[in-house]
Amino acid sequence: MNSKEAYLNKLEGQLNEWNAQINLLLSRARETGASDSEAITYLQQKKTLAQTKLEKLKNAGEQDWQSLQEEIDDAWSNLGVAIKTALAKL
């Protein structure tokens, strides 16, 4: 496995974990009537951005993917913060 594949596997694993947390948060939000809250909307935007970055990485060539790494790391960090924020609010 090359370093791009390892990085991609790491990101996909983290995204799967976060998707489970997001589903839990959405369920909680529906139960409390907060499904349209700013935190949920922000979280969904960050998740969509992270998924877009992941697709960009998948399609990047072996030499190009490293230039995307900082951009992707930022998106992942932002999604992680958004999830923690939403967990604290719900």
PDB file of N, CA and C in Angstrom:
ATOM      1  N   MET A   1       0.850  -1.172   0.000  1.00  0.00           N
ATOM      2  CA  MET A   1       0.000   0.000   0.000  1.00  0.00           C
ATOM      3  C   MET A   1       0.897   1.238   0.000  1.00  0.00           C
ATOM      4  N   ASN A   2       0.644   2.131  -0.936  1.00  0.00           N
ATOM      5  CA  ASN A   2       1.452   3.345  -0.975  1.00  0.00           C
ATOM      6  C   ASN A   2       0.897   4.377   0.004  1.00  0.00           C
ATOM      7  N   SER A   3       1.607   5.483   0.126  1.00  0.00           N
ATOM      8  CA  SER A   3       1.214   6.469   1.135  1.00  0.00           C
ATOM      9  C   SER A   3      -0.123   7.134   0.807  1.00  0.00           C
ATOM     10  N   LYS A   4      -0.448   7.310  -0.472  1.00  0.00           N
ATOM     11  CA  LYS A   4      -1.747   7.881  -0.834  1.00  0.00           C
ATOM     12  C   LYS A   4      -2.864   6.947  -0.401  1.00  0.00           C
ATOM     13  N   GLU A   5      -2.709   5.657  -0.663  1.00  0.00           N
ATOM     14  CA  GLU A   5      -3.732   4.681  -0.267  1.00  0.00           C
ATOM     15  C   GLU A   5      -3.898   4.628   1.244  1.00  0.00           C
ATOM     16  N   ALA A   6      -2.795   4.672   1.964  1.00  0.00           N
ATOM     17  CA  ALA A   6      -2.855   4.658   3.427  1.00  0.00           C
ATOM     18  C   ALA A   6      -3.572   5.902   3.949  1.00  0.00           C
ATOM     19  N   TYR A   7      -3.255   7.045   3.388  1.00  0.00           N
ATOM     20  CA  TYR A   7      -3.881   8.310   3.785  1.00  0.00           C
ATOM     21  C   TYR A   7      -5.369   8.272   3.467  1.00  0.00           C
ATOM     22  N   LEU A   8      -5.711   7.787   2.288  1.00  0.00           N
ATOM     23  CA  LEU A   8      -7.101   7.679   1.869  1.00  0.00           C
ATOM     24  C   LEU A   8      -7.879   6.735   2.778  1.00  0.00           C
ATOM     25  N   ASN A   9      -7.284   5.605   3.129  1.00  0.00           N
ATOM     26  CA  ASN A   9      -7.934   4.653   4.036  1.00  0.00           C
ATOM     27  C   ASN A   9      -8.171   5.265   5.412  1.00  0.00           C
ATOM     28  N   LYS A  10      -7.193   6.021   5.886  1.00  0.00           N
ATOM     29  CA  LYS A  10      -7.325   6.701   7.178  1.00  0.00           C
ATOM     30  C   LYS A  10      -8.493   7.686   7.145  1.00  0.00           C
ATOM     31  N   LEU A  11      -8.555   8.488   6.088  1.00  0.00           N
ATOM     32  CA  LEU A  11      -9.632   9.474   5.959  1.00  0.00           C
ATOM     33  C   LEU A  11     -10.998   8.815   5.844  1.00  0.00           C
ATOM     34  N   GLU A  12     -11.078   7.762   5.054  1.00  0.00           N
ATOM     35  CA  GLU A  12     -12.354   7.069   4.885  1.00  0.00           C
ATOM     36  C   GLU A  12     -12.816   6.448   6.199  1.00  0.00           C
ATOM     37  N   GLY A  13     -11.889   5.899   6.967  1.00  0.00           N
ATOM     38  CA  GLY A  13     -12.230   5.329   8.268  1.00  0.00           C
ATOM     39  C   GLY A  13     -12.761   6.391   9.219  1.00  0.00           C
ATOM     40  N   GLN A  14     -12.087   7.530   9.258  1.00  0.00           N
ATOM     41  CA  GLN A  14     -12.529   8.628  10.119  1.00  0.00           C
ATOM     42  C   GLN A  14     -13.886   9.146   9.682  1.00  0.00           C
ATOM     43  N   LEU A  15     -14.083   9.270   8.374  1.00  0.00           N
ATOM     44  CA  LEU A  15     -15.367   9.753   7.861  1.00  0.00           C
ATOM     45  C   LEU A  15     -16.493   8.788   8.211  1.00  0.00           C
ATOM     46  N   ASN A  16     -16.219   7.494   8.159  1.00  0.00           N
ATOM     47  CA  ASN A  16     -17.236   6.501   8.551  1.00  0.00           C
ATOM     48  C   ASN A  16     -17.621   6.654  10.019  1.00  0.00           C
ATOM     49  N   GLU A  17     -16.625   6.869  10.875  1.00  0.00           N
ATOM     50  CA  GLU A  17     -16.904   7.086  12.300  1.00  0.00           C
ATOM     51  C   GLU A  17     -17.740   8.351  12.490  1.00  0.00           C
ATOM     52  N   TRP A  18     -17.346   9.394  11.793  1.00  0.00           N
ATOM     53  CA  TRP A  18     -18.077  10.657  11.912  1.00  0.00           C
ATOM     54  C   TRP A  18     -19.490  10.546  11.364  1.00  0.00           C
ATOM     55  N   ASN A  19     -19.667   9.781  10.300  1.00  0.00           N
ATOM     56  CA  ASN A  19     -21.019   9.593   9.764  1.00  0.00           C
ATOM     57  C   ASN A  19     -21.931   8.962  10.802  1.00  0.00           C
ATOM     58  N   ALA A  20     -21.413   8.008  11.562  1.00  0.00           N
ATOM     59  CA  ALA A  20     -22.197   7.394  12.634  1.00  0.00           C
ATOM     60  C   ALA A  20     -22.559   8.441  13.692  1.00  0.00           C
ATOM     61  N   GLN A  21     -21.600   9.278  14.063  1.00  0.00           N
ATOM     62  CA  GLN A  21     -21.872  10.336  15.040  1.00  0.00           C
ATOM     63  C   GLN A  21     -22.870  11.350  14.488  1.00  0.00           C
ATOM     64  N   ILE A  22     -22.736  11.685  13.228  1.00  0.00           N
ATOM     65  CA  ILE A  22     -23.654  12.635  12.604  1.00  0.00           C
ATOM     66  C   ILE A  22     -25.065  12.074  12.577  1.00  0.00           C
ATOM     67  N   ASN A  23     -25.190  10.801  12.251  1.00  0.00           N
ATOM     68  CA  ASN A  23     -26.519  10.174  12.257  1.00  0.00           C
ATOM     69  C   ASN A  23     -27.135  10.203  13.647  1.00  0.00           C
ATOM     70  N   LEU A  24     -26.319   9.970  14.663  1.00  0.00           N
ATOM     71  CA  LEU A  24     -26.797  10.053  16.037  1.00  0.00           C
ATOM     72  C   LEU A  24     -27.249  11.479  16.363  1.00  0.00           C
ATOM     73  N   LEU A  25     -26.462  12.449  15.964  1.00  0.00           N
ATOM     74  CA  LEU A  25     -26.813  13.851  16.201  1.00  0.00           C
ATOM     75  C   LEU A  25     -28.101  14.236  15.483  1.00  0.00           C
ATOM     76  N   LEU A  26     -28.253  13.793  14.251  1.00  0.00           N
ATOM     77  CA  LEU A  26     -29.475  14.095  13.506  1.00  0.00           C
ATOM     78  C   LEU A  26     -30.693  13.467  14.170  1.00  0.00           C
ATOM     79  N   SER A  27     -30.512  12.271  14.683  1.00  0.00           N
ATOM     80  CA  SER A  27     -31.601  11.601  15.399  1.00  0.00           C
ATOM     81  C   SER A  27     -31.980  12.375  16.662  1.00  0.00           C
ATOM     82  N   ARG A  28     -30.965  12.792  17.417  1.00  0.00           N
ATOM     83  CA  ARG A  28     -31.212  13.604  18.616  1.00  0.00           C
ATOM     84  C   ARG A  28     -31.905  14.918  18.255  1.00  0.00           C
ATOM     85  N   ALA A  29     -31.450  15.528  17.164  1.00  0.00           N
ATOM     86  CA  ALA A  29     -32.010  16.814  16.742  1.00  0.00           C
ATOM     87  C   ALA A  29     -33.489  16.659  16.378  1.00  0.00           C
ATOM     88  N   ARG A  30     -33.821  15.571  15.696  1.00  0.00           N
ATOM     89  CA  ARG A  30     -35.222  15.342  15.344  1.00  0.00           C
ATOM     90  C   ARG A  30     -36.075  15.141  16.598  1.00  0.00           C
ATOM     91  N   GLU A  31     -35.526  14.415  17.561  1.00  0.00           N
ATOM     92  CA  GLU A  31     -36.251  14.154  18.813  1.00  0.00           C
ATOM     93  C   GLU A  31     -36.524  15.441  19.582  1.00  0.00           C
ATOM     94  N   THR A  32     -35.589  16.365  19.522  1.00  0.00           N
ATOM     95  CA  THR A  32     -35.735  17.610  20.282  1.00  0.00           C
ATOM     96  C   THR A  32     -36.334  18.736  19.446  1.00  0.00           C
ATOM     97  N   GLY A  33     -36.576  18.453  18.163  1.00  0.00           N
ATOM     98  CA  GLY A  33     -37.131  19.479  17.285  1.00  0.00           C
ATOM     99  C   GLY A  33     -36.120  20.488  16.816  1.00  0.00           C
ATOM    100  N   ALA A  34     -34.849  20.151  16.915  1.00  0.00           N
ATOM    101  CA  ALA A  34     -33.788  21.093  16.542  1.00  0.00           C
ATOM    102  C   ALA A  34     -33.133  20.725  15.213  1.00  0.00           C
ATOM    103  N   SER A  35     -33.824  19.979  14.379  1.00  0.00           N
ATOM    104  CA  SER A  35     -33.200  19.481  13.151  1.00  0.00           C
ATOM    105  C   SER A  35     -32.844  20.584  12.160  1.00  0.00           C
ATOM    106  N   ASP A  36     -33.380  21.771  12.349  1.00  0.00           N
ATOM    107  CA  ASP A  36     -33.036  22.884  11.463  1.00  0.00           C
ATOM    108  C   ASP A  36     -32.118  23.896  12.145  1.00  0.00           C
ATOM    109  N   SER A  37     -31.507  23.486  13.239  1.00  0.00           N
ATOM    110  CA  SER A  37     -30.650  24.406  13.983  1.00  0.00           C
ATOM    111  C   SER A  37     -29.405  24.766  13.181  1.00  0.00           C
ATOM    112  N   GLU A  38     -28.804  25.876  13.556  1.00  0.00           N
ATOM    113  CA  GLU A  38     -27.583  26.335  12.885  1.00  0.00           C
ATOM    114  C   GLU A  38     -26.466  25.306  13.006  1.00  0.00           C
ATOM    115  N   ALA A  39     -26.356  24.654  14.149  1.00  0.00           N
ATOM    116  CA  ALA A  39     -25.294  23.672  14.354  1.00  0.00           C
ATOM    117  C   ALA A  39     -25.436  22.500  13.386  1.00  0.00           C
ATOM    118  N   ILE A  40     -26.666  22.038  13.177  1.00  0.00           N
ATOM    119  CA  ILE A  40     -26.902  20.926  12.260  1.00  0.00           C
ATOM    120  C   ILE A  40     -26.615  21.352  10.821  1.00  0.00           C
ATOM    121  N   THR A  41     -27.059  22.532  10.452  1.00  0.00           N
ATOM    122  CA  THR A  41     -26.816  23.045   9.108  1.00  0.00           C
ATOM    123  C   THR A  41     -25.317  23.195   8.853  1.00  0.00           C
ATOM    124  N   TYR A  42     -24.615  23.760   9.817  1.00  0.00           N
ATOM    125  CA  TYR A  42     -23.170  23.944   9.705  1.00  0.00           C
ATOM    126  C   TYR A  42     -22.474  22.589   9.590  1.00  0.00           C
ATOM    127  N   LEU A  43     -22.887  21.644  10.394  1.00  0.00           N
ATOM    128  CA  LEU A  43     -22.313  20.306  10.376  1.00  0.00           C
ATOM    129  C   LEU A  43     -22.504  19.649   9.012  1.00  0.00           C
ATOM    130  N   GLN A  44     -23.686  19.765   8.465  1.00  0.00           N
ATOM    131  CA  GLN A  44     -23.956  19.166   7.160  1.00  0.00           C
ATOM    132  C   GLN A  44     -23.114  19.822   6.069  1.00  0.00           C
ATOM    133  N   GLN A  45     -22.903  21.121   6.161  1.00  0.00           N
ATOM    134  CA  GLN A  45     -22.057  21.814   5.184  1.00  0.00           C
ATOM    135  C   GLN A  45     -20.616  21.319   5.275  1.00  0.00           C
ATOM    136  N   LYS A  46     -20.121  21.159   6.482  1.00  0.00           N
ATOM    137  CA  LYS A  46     -18.746  20.702   6.672  1.00  0.00           C
ATOM    138  C   LYS A  46     -18.583  19.254   6.217  1.00  0.00           C
ATOM    139  N   LYS A  47     -19.592  18.438   6.435  1.00  0.00           N
ATOM    140  CA  LYS A  47     -19.546  17.044   5.987  1.00  0.00           C
ATOM    141  C   LYS A  47     -19.507  16.983   4.462  1.00  0.00           C
ATOM    142  N   THR A  48     -20.329  17.786   3.809  1.00  0.00           N
ATOM    143  CA  THR A  48     -20.351  17.819   2.354  1.00  0.00           C
ATOM    144  C   THR A  48     -19.002  18.278   1.804  1.00  0.00           C
ATOM    145  N   LEU A  49     -18.415  19.289   2.424  1.00  0.00           N
ATOM    146  CA  LEU A  49     -17.109  19.777   2.001  1.00  0.00           C
ATOM    147  C   LEU A  49     -16.044  18.688   2.156  1.00  0.00           C
ATOM    148  N   ALA A  50     -16.057  17.985   3.272  1.00  0.00           N
ATOM    149  CA  ALA A  50     -15.083  16.920   3.509  1.00  0.00           C
ATOM    150  C   ALA A  50     -15.251  15.801   2.483  1.00  0.00           C
ATOM    151  N   GLN A  51     -16.476  15.444   2.162  1.00  0.00           N
ATOM    152  CA  GLN A  51     -16.713  14.403   1.170  1.00  0.00           C
ATOM    153  C   GLN A  51     -16.220  14.841  -0.207  1.00  0.00           C
ATOM    154  N   THR A  52     -16.411  16.109  -0.532  1.00  0.00           N
ATOM    155  CA  THR A  52     -15.940  16.643  -1.809  1.00  0.00           C
ATOM    156  C   THR A  52     -14.413  16.582  -1.884  1.00  0.00           C
ATOM    157  N   LYS A  53     -13.758  16.936  -0.789  1.00  0.00           N
ATOM    158  CA  LYS A  53     -12.295  16.883  -0.742  1.00  0.00           C
ATOM    159  C   LYS A  53     -11.799  15.446  -0.875  1.00  0.00           C
ATOM    160  N   LEU A  54     -12.507  14.514  -0.255  1.00  0.00           N
ATOM    161  CA  LEU A  54     -12.128  13.110  -0.343  1.00  0.00           C
ATOM    162  C   LEU A  54     -12.231  12.621  -1.783  1.00  0.00           C
ATOM    163  N   GLU A  55     -13.271  12.992  -2.474  1.00  0.00           N
ATOM    164  CA  GLU A  55     -13.424  12.614  -3.880  1.00  0.00           C
ATOM    165  C   GLU A  55     -12.317  13.230  -4.732  1.00  0.00           C
ATOM    166  N   LYS A  56     -11.963  14.457  -4.422  1.00  0.00           N
ATOM    167  CA  LYS A  56     -10.878  15.132  -5.142  1.00  0.00           C
ATOM    168  C   LYS A  56      -9.567  14.369  -4.949  1.00  0.00           C
ATOM    169  N   LEU A  57      -9.351  13.903  -3.730  1.00  0.00           N
ATOM    170  CA  LEU A  57      -8.153  13.124  -3.440  1.00  0.00           C
ATOM    171  C   LEU A  57      -8.160  11.807  -4.199  1.00  0.00           C
ATOM    172  N   LYS A  58      -9.293  11.139  -4.216  1.00  0.00           N
ATOM    173  CA  LYS A  58      -9.385   9.860  -4.926  1.00  0.00           C
ATOM    174  C   LYS A  58      -9.036  10.015  -6.403  1.00  0.00           C
ATOM    175  N   ASN A  59      -9.419  11.136  -6.983  1.00  0.00           N
ATOM    176  CA  ASN A  59      -9.201  11.365  -8.404  1.00  0.00           C
ATOM    177  C   ASN A  59      -7.837  11.982  -8.719  1.00  0.00           C
ATOM    178  N   ALA A  60      -7.104  12.362  -7.701  1.00  0.00           N
ATOM    179  CA  ALA A  60      -5.798  12.998  -7.901  1.00  0.00           C
ATOM    180  C   ALA A  60      -4.760  11.956  -8.290  1.00  0.00           C
ATOM    181  N   GLY A  61      -3.852  12.377  -9.117  1.00  0.00           N
ATOM    182  CA  GLY A  61      -2.744  11.510  -9.500  1.00  0.00           C
ATOM    183  C   GLY A  61      -1.784  11.306  -8.344  1.00  0.00           C
ATOM    184  N   GLU A  62      -0.912  10.355  -8.506  1.00  0.00           N
ATOM    185  CA  GLU A  62       0.037  10.012  -7.453  1.00  0.00           C
ATOM    186  C   GLU A  62       0.896  11.210  -7.042  1.00  0.00           C
ATOM    187  N   GLN A  63       1.253  12.056  -7.977  1.00  0.00           N
ATOM    188  CA  GLN A  63       2.090  13.210  -7.654  1.00  0.00           C
ATOM    189  C   GLN A  63       1.278  14.392  -7.136  1.00  0.00           C
ATOM    190  N   ASP A  64       0.020  14.485  -7.537  1.00  0.00           N
ATOM    191  CA  ASP A  64      -0.806  15.634  -7.179  1.00  0.00           C
ATOM    192  C   ASP A  64      -1.439  15.547  -5.793  1.00  0.00           C
ATOM    193  N   TRP A  65      -1.612  14.351  -5.275  1.00  0.00           N
ATOM    194  CA  TRP A  65      -2.376  14.206  -4.038  1.00  0.00           C
ATOM    195  C   TRP A  65      -1.708  14.900  -2.856  1.00  0.00           C
ATOM    196  N   GLN A  66      -0.395  14.936  -2.822  1.00  0.00           N
ATOM    197  CA  GLN A  66       0.286  15.552  -1.680  1.00  0.00           C
ATOM    198  C   GLN A  66       0.027  17.053  -1.598  1.00  0.00           C
ATOM    199  N   SER A  67      -0.189  17.687  -2.744  1.00  0.00           N
ATOM    200  CA  SER A  67      -0.490  19.120  -2.717  1.00  0.00           C
ATOM    201  C   SER A  67      -1.883  19.375  -2.154  1.00  0.00           C
ATOM    202  N   LEU A  68      -2.730  18.360  -2.149  1.00  0.00           N
ATOM    203  CA  LEU A  68      -4.082  18.472  -1.599  1.00  0.00           C
ATOM    204  C   LEU A  68      -4.132  18.193  -0.095  1.00  0.00           C
ATOM    205  N   GLN A  69      -3.082  17.616   0.430  1.00  0.00           N
ATOM    206  CA  GLN A  69      -3.102  17.120   1.803  1.00  0.00           C
ATOM    207  C   GLN A  69      -3.431  18.202   2.832  1.00  0.00           C
ATOM    208  N   GLU A  70      -2.835  19.364   2.732  1.00  0.00           N
ATOM    209  CA  GLU A  70      -3.110  20.430   3.707  1.00  0.00           C
ATOM    210  C   GLU A  70      -4.574  20.878   3.619  1.00  0.00           C
ATOM    211  N   GLU A  71      -5.060  21.025   2.413  1.00  0.00           N
ATOM    212  CA  GLU A  71      -6.456  21.415   2.182  1.00  0.00           C
ATOM    213  C   GLU A  71      -7.415  20.381   2.788  1.00  0.00           C
ATOM    214  N   ILE A  72      -7.096  19.122   2.602  1.00  0.00           N
ATOM    215  CA  ILE A  72      -7.938  18.043   3.121  1.00  0.00           C
ATOM    216  C   ILE A  72      -7.842  17.978   4.646  1.00  0.00           C
ATOM    217  N   ASP A  73      -6.650  18.134   5.171  1.00  0.00           N
ATOM    218  CA  ASP A  73      -6.484  18.133   6.626  1.00  0.00           C
ATOM    219  C   ASP A  73      -7.293  19.259   7.274  1.00  0.00           C
ATOM    220  N   ASP A  74      -7.333  20.415   6.633  1.00  0.00           N
ATOM    221  CA  ASP A  74      -8.135  21.532   7.146  1.00  0.00           C
ATOM    222  C   ASP A  74      -9.620  21.179   7.148  1.00  0.00           C
ATOM    223  N   ALA A  75     -10.091  20.584   6.060  1.00  0.00           N
ATOM    224  CA  ALA A  75     -11.505  20.186   5.976  1.00  0.00           C
ATOM    225  C   ALA A  75     -11.828  19.161   7.051  1.00  0.00           C
ATOM    226  N   TRP A  76     -10.917  18.225   7.276  1.00  0.00           N
ATOM    227  CA  TRP A  76     -11.149  17.193   8.299  1.00  0.00           C
ATOM    228  C   TRP A  76     -11.174  17.810   9.689  1.00  0.00           C
ATOM    229  N   SER A  77     -10.262  18.719   9.938  1.00  0.00           N
ATOM    230  CA  SER A  77     -10.227  19.397  11.227  1.00  0.00           C
ATOM    231  C   SER A  77     -11.521  20.175  11.466  1.00  0.00           C
ATOM    232  N   ASN A  78     -11.972  20.894  10.450  1.00  0.00           N
ATOM    233  CA  ASN A  78     -13.205  21.671  10.575  1.00  0.00           C
ATOM    234  C   ASN A  78     -14.412  20.782  10.823  1.00  0.00           C
ATOM    235  N   LEU A  79     -14.469  19.639  10.161  1.00  0.00           N
ATOM    236  CA  LEU A  79     -15.585  18.718  10.381  1.00  0.00           C
ATOM    237  C   LEU A  79     -15.538  18.161  11.800  1.00  0.00           C
ATOM    238  N   GLY A  80     -14.350  17.821  12.273  1.00  0.00           N
ATOM    239  CA  GLY A  80     -14.218  17.317  13.640  1.00  0.00           C
ATOM    240  C   GLY A  80     -14.686  18.337  14.674  1.00  0.00           C
ATOM    241  N   VAL A  81     -14.329  19.578  14.486  1.00  0.00           N
ATOM    242  CA  VAL A  81     -14.755  20.653  15.387  1.00  0.00           C
ATOM    243  C   VAL A  81     -16.268  20.830  15.307  1.00  0.00           C
ATOM    244  N   ALA A  82     -16.819  20.785  14.109  1.00  0.00           N
ATOM    245  CA  ALA A  82     -18.272  20.935  13.929  1.00  0.00           C
ATOM    246  C   ALA A  82     -19.023  19.823  14.637  1.00  0.00           C
ATOM    247  N   ILE A  83     -18.514  18.610  14.587  1.00  0.00           N
ATOM    248  CA  ILE A  83     -19.157  17.484  15.265  1.00  0.00           C
ATOM    249  C   ILE A  83     -19.094  17.681  16.778  1.00  0.00           C
ATOM    250  N   LYS A  84     -17.946  18.058  17.293  1.00  0.00           N
ATOM    251  CA  LYS A  84     -17.801  18.294  18.737  1.00  0.00           C
ATOM    252  C   LYS A  84     -18.724  19.409  19.207  1.00  0.00           C
ATOM    253  N   THR A  85     -18.841  20.457  18.399  1.00  0.00           N
ATOM    254  CA  THR A  85     -19.714  21.576  18.736  1.00  0.00           C
ATOM    255  C   THR A  85     -21.172  21.132  18.766  1.00  0.00           C
ATOM    256  N   ALA A  86     -21.562  20.370  17.750  1.00  0.00           N
ATOM    257  CA  ALA A  86     -22.938  19.889  17.681  1.00  0.00           C
ATOM    258  C   ALA A  86     -23.244  18.931  18.834  1.00  0.00           C
ATOM    259  N   LEU A  87     -22.294  18.076  19.174  1.00  0.00           N
ATOM    260  CA  LEU A  87     -22.482  17.154  20.301  1.00  0.00           C
ATOM    261  C   LEU A  87     -22.701  17.925  21.595  1.00  0.00           C
ATOM    262  N   ALA A  88     -21.969  19.012  21.764  1.00  0.00           N
ATOM    263  CA  ALA A  88     -22.109  19.825  22.987  1.00  0.00           C
ATOM    264  C   ALA A  88     -23.455  20.530  23.044  1.00  0.00           C
ATOM    265  N   LYS A  89     -23.999  20.889  21.890  1.00  0.00           N
ATOM    266  CA  LYS A  89     -25.255  21.633  21.855  1.00  0.00           C
ATOM    267  C   LYS A  89     -26.487  20.741  21.923  1.00  0.00           C
ATOM    268  N   LEU A  90     -26.353  19.506  21.490  1.00  0.00           N
ATOM    269  CA  LEU A  90     -27.520  18.625  21.476  1.00  0.00           C
ATOM    270  C   LEU A  90     -27.426  17.663  22.629  1.00  0.00           C
TER     271      LEU A  90
END
